[in-house]
Amino acid sequence: QVQLVESGGGLVQAGGSLRLSCAASGRTFSTGTMGWFRQAPGKEREFVVADSWSTGRTYYADSVKGRFSISRDNARNTVYLEMNSLKPEDTAVYYCATYKRGLFLISWVRDTSSYDYWGQGTQVTVSS
């Protein structure tokens, strides 16, 4: 059984930074694709970024490109999301997830149905 645990969320002022962590247990993901999504109140879960260690491909949503950065520590089985220049519209619960499909296709990595395991989420609140 795979478990994902996010941490690092909190309250930050606009323009500030946070680093989220996603610790995995039950399966190593050193060669797999991991994704981050977010969900604001009253909105659908939204794609943020996907990263494939095996192919070296990373894809960011336009809304976070240039501000957010994904990285991973395979020895710790942990994925990180570095968030800089935060805006109030970044306020959401952030989730990490493991990708269940084989190919890294943009339409697939953006789709929540392409992921099988999800963490419980961590709240990020950006004040103006």
N, C-alpha and C. Protein backbone atom coordinates (compact mmCIF):
# COMPACT_ATOMS: atom_id res chain seq x y z
N GLN A 1 0.83 -1.18 0.00
CA GLN A 1 0.00 0.00 0.00
C GLN A 1 0.88 1.24 0.00
N VAL A 2 0.64 2.11 -0.96
CA VAL A 2 1.41 3.34 -1.06
C VAL A 2 0.77 4.41 -0.20
N GLN A 3 1.61 5.12 0.52
CA GLN A 3 1.12 6.27 1.30
C GLN A 3 1.93 7.49 0.93
N LEU A 4 1.22 8.59 0.73
CA LEU A 4 1.86 9.87 0.44
C LEU A 4 1.45 10.86 1.52
N VAL A 5 2.42 11.56 2.07
CA VAL A 5 2.14 12.52 3.14
C VAL A 5 2.76 13.86 2.76
N GLU A 6 1.89 14.85 2.56
CA GLU A 6 2.37 16.20 2.25
C GLU A 6 2.58 16.99 3.54
N SER A 7 3.49 17.92 3.48
CA SER A 7 3.74 18.83 4.59
C SER A 7 4.35 20.12 4.05
N GLY A 8 4.43 21.12 4.91
CA GLY A 8 5.09 22.36 4.52
C GLY A 8 4.15 23.50 4.20
N GLY A 9 2.86 23.24 4.20
CA GLY A 9 1.92 24.31 3.92
C GLY A 9 1.86 25.30 5.07
N GLY A 10 1.17 26.41 4.83
CA GLY A 10 1.03 27.41 5.87
C GLY A 10 0.49 28.71 5.32
N LEU A 11 0.59 29.74 6.14
CA LEU A 11 0.13 31.07 5.78
C LEU A 11 1.35 31.93 5.42
N VAL A 12 1.29 32.57 4.28
CA VAL A 12 2.40 33.40 3.83
C VAL A 12 1.85 34.64 3.14
N GLN A 13 2.60 35.72 3.20
CA GLN A 13 2.18 36.93 2.51
C GLN A 13 2.49 36.84 1.02
N ALA A 14 1.74 37.58 0.25
CA ALA A 14 1.99 37.62 -1.19
C ALA A 14 3.45 38.02 -1.45
N GLY A 15 4.05 37.33 -2.40
CA GLY A 15 5.45 37.54 -2.71
C GLY A 15 6.39 36.62 -1.95
N GLY A 16 5.85 35.93 -0.97
CA GLY A 16 6.66 35.03 -0.16
C GLY A 16 6.87 33.67 -0.81
N SER A 17 7.50 32.79 -0.04
CA SER A 17 7.86 31.46 -0.55
C SER A 17 7.50 30.38 0.46
N LEU A 18 7.24 29.20 -0.08
CA LEU A 18 7.04 28.00 0.74
C LEU A 18 7.63 26.82 0.00
N ARG A 19 8.04 25.82 0.76
CA ARG A 19 8.46 24.56 0.14
C ARG A 19 7.62 23.44 0.72
N LEU A 20 6.90 22.78 -0.17
CA LEU A 20 6.08 21.64 0.22
C LEU A 20 6.88 20.35 0.03
N SER A 21 6.60 19.39 0.89
CA SER A 21 7.23 18.08 0.78
C SER A 21 6.15 17.01 0.62
N CYS A 22 6.50 15.96 -0.07
CA CYS A 22 5.62 14.81 -0.25
C CYS A 22 6.47 13.57 -0.01
N ALA A 23 6.26 12.94 1.14
CA ALA A 23 7.02 11.75 1.51
C ALA A 23 6.22 10.51 1.15
N ALA A 24 6.86 9.59 0.44
CA ALA A 24 6.20 8.38 -0.01
C ALA A 24 6.70 7.17 0.75
N SER A 25 5.80 6.25 1.02
CA SER A 25 6.18 4.97 1.61
C SER A 25 5.39 3.87 0.93
N GLY A 26 5.91 2.67 0.99
CA GLY A 26 5.22 1.54 0.39
C GLY A 26 5.65 1.23 -1.02
N ARG A 27 6.28 2.22 -1.69
CA ARG A 27 6.77 2.01 -3.04
C ARG A 27 7.76 3.10 -3.35
N THR A 28 8.87 2.72 -3.97
CA THR A 28 9.81 3.76 -4.37
C THR A 28 9.37 4.32 -5.71
N PHE A 29 9.57 5.60 -5.89
CA PHE A 29 9.14 6.22 -7.13
C PHE A 29 10.32 6.82 -7.88
N SER A 30 11.49 6.25 -7.65
CA SER A 30 12.70 6.85 -8.21
C SER A 30 12.65 6.97 -9.73
N THR A 31 11.91 6.10 -10.38
CA THR A 31 11.84 6.19 -11.84
C THR A 31 10.46 6.57 -12.33
N GLY A 32 9.56 6.81 -11.44
CA GLY A 32 8.19 7.10 -11.81
C GLY A 32 7.90 8.57 -11.96
N THR A 33 6.72 8.87 -12.44
CA THR A 33 6.25 10.24 -12.58
C THR A 33 5.40 10.62 -11.37
N MET A 34 5.69 11.80 -10.84
CA MET A 34 4.93 12.33 -9.72
C MET A 34 4.28 13.64 -10.14
N GLY A 35 3.15 13.92 -9.55
CA GLY A 35 2.45 15.16 -9.87
C GLY A 35 2.03 15.90 -8.62
N TRP A 36 1.88 17.22 -8.79
CA TRP A 36 1.29 18.07 -7.77
C TRP A 36 0.03 18.70 -8.35
N PHE A 37 -1.00 18.72 -7.56
CA PHE A 37 -2.26 19.36 -7.92
C PHE A 37 -2.67 20.28 -6.78
N ARG A 38 -3.65 21.12 -7.03
CA ARG A 38 -4.17 21.98 -5.97
C ARG A 38 -5.67 22.15 -6.15
N GLN A 39 -6.33 22.43 -5.05
CA GLN A 39 -7.78 22.62 -5.10
C GLN A 39 -8.17 23.76 -4.17
N ALA A 40 -8.74 24.80 -4.77
CA ALA A 40 -9.25 25.94 -4.02
C ALA A 40 -10.70 25.68 -3.66
N PRO A 41 -11.20 26.34 -2.63
CA PRO A 41 -12.60 26.14 -2.22
C PRO A 41 -13.57 26.41 -3.37
N GLY A 42 -14.47 25.46 -3.59
CA GLY A 42 -15.47 25.62 -4.62
C GLY A 42 -14.99 25.40 -6.03
N LYS A 43 -13.74 24.98 -6.18
CA LYS A 43 -13.18 24.75 -7.52
C LYS A 43 -12.73 23.32 -7.68
N GLU A 44 -12.55 22.91 -8.94
CA GLU A 44 -12.07 21.58 -9.23
C GLU A 44 -10.56 21.50 -8.93
N ARG A 45 -10.11 20.27 -8.73
CA ARG A 45 -8.69 20.05 -8.51
C ARG A 45 -7.94 20.43 -9.80
N GLU A 46 -6.87 21.16 -9.62
CA GLU A 46 -6.16 21.77 -10.75
C GLU A 46 -4.73 21.25 -10.82
N PHE A 47 -4.28 20.94 -12.03
CA PHE A 47 -2.91 20.48 -12.24
C PHE A 47 -1.91 21.60 -11.97
N VAL A 48 -0.81 21.26 -11.33
CA VAL A 48 0.26 22.22 -11.06
C VAL A 48 1.54 21.83 -11.82
N VAL A 49 2.03 20.62 -11.60
CA VAL A 49 3.27 20.19 -12.23
C VAL A 49 3.36 18.68 -12.19
N ALA A 50 4.04 18.12 -13.20
CA ALA A 50 4.35 16.69 -13.24
C ALA A 50 5.81 16.53 -13.60
N ASP A 51 6.42 15.54 -13.01
CA ASP A 51 7.85 15.34 -13.21
C ASP A 51 8.15 13.85 -13.40
N SER A 52 8.85 13.53 -14.48
CA SER A 52 9.24 12.16 -14.75
C SER A 52 10.74 12.03 -14.56
N TRP A 53 11.14 11.30 -13.53
CA TRP A 53 12.57 11.11 -13.27
C TRP A 53 13.22 10.29 -14.37
N SER A 54 12.53 9.28 -14.88
CA SER A 54 13.12 8.37 -15.85
C SER A 54 13.37 9.05 -17.19
N THR A 55 12.51 9.95 -17.60
CA THR A 55 12.67 10.61 -18.90
C THR A 55 13.26 12.00 -18.77
N GLY A 56 13.28 12.55 -17.56
CA GLY A 56 13.78 13.90 -17.37
C GLY A 56 12.81 14.98 -17.79
N ARG A 57 11.59 14.61 -18.07
CA ARG A 57 10.59 15.58 -18.52
C ARG A 57 9.84 16.16 -17.33
N THR A 58 9.63 17.45 -17.38
CA THR A 58 8.85 18.16 -16.38
C THR A 58 7.88 19.10 -17.10
N TYR A 59 6.67 19.16 -16.62
CA TYR A 59 5.67 20.02 -17.25
C TYR A 59 4.96 20.81 -16.17
N TYR A 60 4.94 22.13 -16.33
CA TYR A 60 4.30 23.03 -15.38
C TYR A 60 3.05 23.66 -15.99
N ALA A 61 2.06 23.88 -15.16
CA ALA A 61 0.91 24.67 -15.57
C ALA A 61 1.39 26.09 -15.84
N ASP A 62 0.78 26.74 -16.81
CA ASP A 62 1.18 28.11 -17.15
C ASP A 62 1.08 29.05 -15.95
N SER A 63 0.13 28.80 -15.09
CA SER A 63 -0.11 29.70 -13.96
C SER A 63 1.02 29.70 -12.94
N VAL A 64 1.87 28.66 -12.97
CA VAL A 64 2.94 28.58 -11.97
C VAL A 64 4.33 28.57 -12.61
N LYS A 65 4.38 28.52 -13.92
CA LYS A 65 5.65 28.42 -14.63
C LYS A 65 6.54 29.62 -14.29
N GLY A 66 7.78 29.35 -13.95
CA GLY A 66 8.71 30.40 -13.58
C GLY A 66 8.68 30.77 -12.11
N ARG A 67 7.67 30.31 -11.39
CA ARG A 67 7.57 30.60 -9.96
C ARG A 67 7.71 29.34 -9.10
N PHE A 68 7.22 28.23 -9.60
CA PHE A 68 7.26 26.97 -8.85
C PHE A 68 8.32 26.06 -9.46
N SER A 69 8.88 25.19 -8.61
CA SER A 69 9.90 24.26 -9.08
C SER A 69 9.76 22.94 -8.34
N ILE A 70 9.75 21.85 -9.09
CA ILE A 70 9.64 20.52 -8.49
C ILE A 70 11.02 19.88 -8.45
N SER A 71 11.27 19.15 -7.38
CA SER A 71 12.52 18.40 -7.27
C SER A 71 12.24 17.16 -6.44
N ARG A 72 13.20 16.26 -6.41
CA ARG A 72 13.00 15.06 -5.62
C ARG A 72 14.31 14.58 -5.03
N ASP A 73 14.18 13.91 -3.90
CA ASP A 73 15.31 13.26 -3.24
C ASP A 73 14.96 11.77 -3.21
N ASN A 74 15.53 11.02 -4.14
CA ASN A 74 15.18 9.61 -4.23
C ASN A 74 15.63 8.82 -3.02
N ALA A 75 16.72 9.23 -2.40
CA ALA A 75 17.21 8.52 -1.22
C ALA A 75 16.20 8.63 -0.08
N ARG A 76 15.48 9.74 -0.04
CA ARG A 76 14.47 9.96 1.00
C ARG A 76 13.07 9.64 0.51
N ASN A 77 12.95 9.25 -0.75
CA ASN A 77 11.64 8.96 -1.35
C ASN A 77 10.69 10.15 -1.15
N THR A 78 11.21 11.32 -1.42
CA THR A 78 10.47 12.56 -1.16
C THR A 78 10.52 13.46 -2.39
N VAL A 79 9.38 14.07 -2.68
CA VAL A 79 9.27 15.05 -3.75
C VAL A 79 8.98 16.41 -3.12
N TYR A 80 9.56 17.45 -3.68
CA TYR A 80 9.40 18.80 -3.14
C TYR A 80 8.76 19.71 -4.19
N LEU A 81 8.03 20.68 -3.69
CA LEU A 81 7.51 21.74 -4.55
C LEU A 81 7.91 23.07 -3.94
N GLU A 82 8.87 23.71 -4.60
CA GLU A 82 9.34 25.02 -4.16
C GLU A 82 8.45 26.07 -4.81
N MET A 83 7.83 26.91 -3.99
CA MET A 83 6.89 27.91 -4.50
C MET A 83 7.40 29.30 -4.14
N ASN A 84 7.67 30.09 -5.14
CA ASN A 84 8.17 31.45 -4.95
C ASN A 84 7.19 32.46 -5.55
N SER A 85 7.36 33.71 -5.15
CA SER A 85 6.51 34.81 -5.65
C SER A 85 5.03 34.43 -5.54
N LEU A 86 4.66 33.95 -4.40
CA LEU A 86 3.29 33.46 -4.21
C LEU A 86 2.28 34.58 -4.33
N LYS A 87 1.12 34.21 -4.88
CA LYS A 87 0.03 35.15 -5.09
C LYS A 87 -1.20 34.67 -4.33
N PRO A 88 -2.12 35.56 -4.02
CA PRO A 88 -3.35 35.12 -3.33
C PRO A 88 -4.09 34.02 -4.10
N GLU A 89 -4.02 34.05 -5.41
CA GLU A 89 -4.70 33.02 -6.21
C GLU A 89 -4.03 31.66 -6.13
N ASP A 90 -2.88 31.57 -5.47
CA ASP A 90 -2.25 30.27 -5.24
C ASP A 90 -2.82 29.58 -4.01
N THR A 91 -3.69 30.27 -3.28
CA THR A 91 -4.30 29.70 -2.10
C THR A 91 -5.12 28.47 -2.46
N ALA A 92 -4.81 27.34 -1.83
CA ALA A 92 -5.47 26.08 -2.13
C ALA A 92 -4.91 25.00 -1.22
N VAL A 93 -5.56 23.84 -1.27
CA VAL A 93 -4.97 22.64 -0.68
C VAL A 93 -4.14 21.98 -1.76
N TYR A 94 -2.91 21.68 -1.46
CA TYR A 94 -1.98 21.09 -2.43
C TYR A 94 -1.82 19.60 -2.16
N TYR A 95 -1.90 18.83 -3.25
CA TYR A 95 -1.82 17.38 -3.18
C TYR A 95 -0.70 16.86 -4.08
N CYS A 96 -0.01 15.84 -3.62
CA CYS A 96 0.89 15.11 -4.51
C CYS A 96 0.23 13.77 -4.86
N ALA A 97 0.67 13.21 -5.97
CA ALA A 97 0.05 11.98 -6.46
C ALA A 97 1.03 11.20 -7.32
N THR A 98 0.82 9.90 -7.38
CA THR A 98 1.65 9.03 -8.21
C THR A 98 0.94 8.73 -9.53
N TYR A 99 1.68 8.85 -10.61
CA TYR A 99 1.15 8.69 -11.96
C TYR A 99 1.08 7.21 -12.30
N LYS A 100 -0.06 6.76 -12.83
CA LYS A 100 -0.24 5.34 -13.08
C LYS A 100 -0.09 4.95 -14.54
N ARG A 101 0.02 5.93 -15.42
CA ARG A 101 0.14 5.61 -16.84
C ARG A 101 1.61 5.51 -17.24
N GLY A 102 1.85 4.88 -18.36
CA GLY A 102 3.22 4.63 -18.78
C GLY A 102 3.87 5.80 -19.49
N LEU A 103 3.13 6.44 -20.38
CA LEU A 103 3.71 7.51 -21.19
C LEU A 103 3.50 8.87 -20.55
N PHE A 104 4.48 9.73 -20.74
CA PHE A 104 4.39 11.11 -20.23
C PHE A 104 3.80 11.96 -21.35
N LEU A 105 2.48 11.99 -21.42
CA LEU A 105 1.78 12.82 -22.39
C LEU A 105 1.13 13.98 -21.65
N ILE A 106 1.21 15.17 -22.24
CA ILE A 106 0.74 16.37 -21.57
C ILE A 106 -0.72 16.23 -21.16
N SER A 107 -1.55 15.75 -22.07
CA SER A 107 -2.98 15.62 -21.77
C SER A 107 -3.22 14.62 -20.66
N TRP A 108 -2.36 13.62 -20.57
CA TRP A 108 -2.52 12.62 -19.52
C TRP A 108 -2.03 13.15 -18.18
N VAL A 109 -0.86 13.78 -18.12
CA VAL A 109 -0.31 14.20 -16.83
C VAL A 109 -1.14 15.31 -16.20
N ARG A 110 -1.92 16.02 -17.01
CA ARG A 110 -2.78 17.08 -16.48
C ARG A 110 -4.09 16.54 -15.91
N ASP A 111 -4.37 15.28 -16.15
CA ASP A 111 -5.67 14.68 -15.82
C ASP A 111 -5.58 13.95 -14.48
N THR A 112 -6.47 14.29 -13.53
CA THR A 112 -6.43 13.65 -12.22
C THR A 112 -6.66 12.15 -12.31
N SER A 113 -7.38 11.69 -13.33
CA SER A 113 -7.67 10.26 -13.45
C SER A 113 -6.44 9.44 -13.83
N SER A 114 -5.34 10.12 -14.18
CA SER A 114 -4.09 9.42 -14.53
C SER A 114 -3.26 9.07 -13.30
N TYR A 115 -3.75 9.43 -12.13
CA TYR A 115 -3.00 9.23 -10.90
C TYR A 115 -3.74 8.26 -9.99
N ASP A 116 -2.99 7.39 -9.33
CA ASP A 116 -3.66 6.38 -8.52
C ASP A 116 -3.59 6.64 -7.02
N TYR A 117 -2.48 7.09 -6.52
CA TYR A 117 -2.39 7.36 -5.08
C TYR A 117 -2.24 8.86 -4.83
N TRP A 118 -2.94 9.32 -3.79
CA TRP A 118 -2.96 10.73 -3.43
C TRP A 118 -2.66 10.91 -1.96
N GLY A 119 -2.01 12.01 -1.64
CA GLY A 119 -1.83 12.36 -0.25
C GLY A 119 -3.08 13.03 0.30
N GLN A 120 -3.01 13.40 1.56
CA GLN A 120 -4.17 14.02 2.23
C GLN A 120 -4.25 15.52 1.96
N GLY A 121 -3.17 16.08 1.45
CA GLY A 121 -3.16 17.50 1.13
C GLY A 121 -2.59 18.37 2.24
N THR A 122 -2.06 19.52 1.85
CA THR A 122 -1.56 20.49 2.80
C THR A 122 -2.05 21.87 2.37
N GLN A 123 -2.54 22.64 3.31
CA GLN A 123 -3.15 23.93 3.02
C GLN A 123 -2.09 25.01 2.82
N VAL A 124 -2.23 25.74 1.74
CA VAL A 124 -1.41 26.92 1.48
C VAL A 124 -2.33 28.13 1.39
N THR A 125 -2.07 29.12 2.21
CA THR A 125 -2.86 30.34 2.20
C THR A 125 -1.95 31.53 1.98
N VAL A 126 -2.25 32.31 0.94
CA VAL A 126 -1.44 33.47 0.61
C VAL A 126 -2.29 34.72 0.85
N SER A 127 -1.83 35.55 1.75
CA SER A 127 -2.58 36.77 2.06
C SER A 127 -2.08 37.93 1.22
N SER A 128 -2.99 38.83 0.91
CA SER A 128 -2.63 39.97 0.05
C SER A 128 -2.13 41.14 0.88
